[in-house]
Amino acid sequence: MNRLPNLQSLSPDQLRTLGATLIRDVQQEDEQLQRVELENRQLKHEMAILKRQCKTDPPLPIEN
């Protein structure tokens, strides 16, 4: 894990760079989370459709 920098010892430019890096990292994590949540919703929807089909369609005969 990265060590936390001593903010008191950073110059204004270093603080701006750190702030920009942190904002970029949070935005990337937020985008990843949104993609995962969208995929989760899509899979839940697909599962609901498949469950509905299983309830309404007769079972297929099993061939030996």
C-alpha atoms as a PDB file:
ATOM      1  CA  MET A   1       0.000   0.000   0.000  1.00  0.00           C
ATOM      2  CA  ASN A   2       1.245   3.510  -0.752  1.00  0.00           C
ATOM      3  CA  ARG A   3       2.493   5.614   2.123  1.00  0.00           C
ATOM      4  CA  LEU A   4       0.533   8.754   2.783  1.00  0.00           C
ATOM      5  CA  PRO A   5       2.510  11.884   1.959  1.00  0.00           C
ATOM      6  CA  ASN A   6       3.149  14.499   4.616  1.00  0.00           C
ATOM      7  CA  LEU A   7       0.892  17.236   3.252  1.00  0.00           C
ATOM      8  CA  GLN A   8       2.680  19.891   5.291  1.00  0.00           C
ATOM      9  CA  SER A   9       5.929  19.278   3.417  1.00  0.00           C
ATOM     10  CA  LEU A  10       4.444  19.434  -0.114  1.00  0.00           C
ATOM     11  CA  SER A  11       4.737  22.510  -2.284  1.00  0.00           C
ATOM     12  CA  PRO A  12       1.603  24.084  -3.790  1.00  0.00           C
ATOM     13  CA  ASP A  13       2.414  22.483  -7.161  1.00  0.00           C
ATOM     14  CA  GLN A  14       2.826  19.081  -5.528  1.00  0.00           C
ATOM     15  CA  LEU A  15      -0.491  19.525  -3.719  1.00  0.00           C
ATOM     16  CA  ARG A  16      -2.219  20.418  -7.000  1.00  0.00           C
ATOM     17  CA  THR A  17      -0.684  17.363  -8.653  1.00  0.00           C
ATOM     18  CA  LEU A  18      -1.754  15.142  -5.762  1.00  0.00           C
ATOM     19  CA  GLY A  19      -5.268  16.586  -5.836  1.00  0.00           C
ATOM     20  CA  ALA A  20      -5.562  16.070  -9.600  1.00  0.00           C
ATOM     21  CA  THR A  21      -4.292  12.499  -9.265  1.00  0.00           C
ATOM     22  CA  LEU A  22      -6.781  11.723  -6.501  1.00  0.00           C
ATOM     23  CA  ILE A  23      -9.673  13.207  -8.487  1.00  0.00           C
ATOM     24  CA  ARG A  24      -8.689  11.198 -11.580  1.00  0.00           C
ATOM     25  CA  ASP A  25      -8.427   7.992  -9.522  1.00  0.00           C
ATOM     26  CA  VAL A  26     -11.857   8.540  -7.945  1.00  0.00           C
ATOM     27  CA  GLN A  27     -13.398   9.251 -11.357  1.00  0.00           C
ATOM     28  CA  GLN A  28     -11.906   6.059 -12.788  1.00  0.00           C
ATOM     29  CA  GLU A  29     -13.180   4.008  -9.864  1.00  0.00           C
ATOM     30  CA  ASP A  30     -16.621   5.606 -10.231  1.00  0.00           C
ATOM     31  CA  GLU A  31     -16.705   4.745 -13.944  1.00  0.00           C
ATOM     32  CA  GLN A  32     -15.700   1.149 -13.172  1.00  0.00           C
ATOM     33  CA  LEU A  33     -18.411   0.924 -10.508  1.00  0.00           C
ATOM     34  CA  GLN A  34     -21.023   2.267 -12.938  1.00  0.00           C
ATOM     35  CA  ARG A  35     -20.001  -0.351 -15.548  1.00  0.00           C
ATOM     36  CA  VAL A  36     -20.258  -3.152 -12.987  1.00  0.00           C
ATOM     37  CA  GLU A  37     -23.650  -1.922 -11.752  1.00  0.00           C
ATOM     38  CA  LEU A  38     -24.952  -1.705 -15.335  1.00  0.00           C
ATOM     39  CA  GLU A  39     -23.768  -5.235 -16.083  1.00  0.00           C
ATOM     40  CA  ASN A  40     -25.380  -6.431 -12.841  1.00  0.00           C
ATOM     41  CA  ARG A  41     -28.717  -4.843 -13.798  1.00  0.00           C
ATOM     42  CA  GLN A  42     -28.521  -6.376 -17.276  1.00  0.00           C
ATOM     43  CA  LEU A  43     -27.817  -9.831 -15.855  1.00  0.00           C
ATOM     44  CA  LYS A  44     -30.664  -9.526 -13.342  1.00  0.00           C
ATOM     45  CA  HIS A  45     -33.007  -8.574 -16.176  1.00  0.00           C
ATOM     46  CA  GLU A  46     -31.851 -11.521 -18.264  1.00  0.00           C
ATOM     47  CA  MET A  47     -32.313 -13.879 -15.299  1.00  0.00           C
ATOM     48  CA  ALA A  48     -35.859 -12.586 -14.766  1.00  0.00           C
ATOM     49  CA  ILE A  49     -36.686 -13.213 -18.433  1.00  0.00           C
ATOM     50  CA  LEU A  50     -35.252 -16.729 -18.293  1.00  0.00           C
ATOM     51  CA  LYS A  51     -37.132 -17.537 -15.079  1.00  0.00           C
ATOM     52  CA  ARG A  52     -40.353 -16.286 -16.639  1.00  0.00           C
ATOM     53  CA  GLN A  53     -39.765 -18.457 -19.701  1.00  0.00           C
ATOM     54  CA  CYS A  54     -39.132 -21.516 -17.538  1.00  0.00           C
ATOM     55  CA  LYS A  55     -42.468 -21.005 -15.792  1.00  0.00           C
ATOM     56  CA  THR A  56     -44.459 -20.631 -19.017  1.00  0.00           C
ATOM     57  CA  ASP A  57     -42.721 -23.073 -21.375  1.00  0.00           C
ATOM     58  CA  PRO A  58     -43.364 -26.782 -21.014  1.00  0.00           C
ATOM     59  CA  PRO A  59     -40.279 -28.793 -20.130  1.00  0.00           C
ATOM     60  CA  LEU A  60     -38.408 -30.375 -23.013  1.00  0.00           C
ATOM     61  CA  PRO A  61     -38.556 -34.163 -23.264  1.00  0.00           C
ATOM     62  CA  ILE A  62     -35.393 -35.951 -22.194  1.00  0.00           C
ATOM     63  CA  GLU A  63     -34.057 -38.362 -24.780  1.00  0.00           C
ATOM     64  CA  ASN A  64     -32.174 -41.452 -23.640  1.00  0.00           C
END
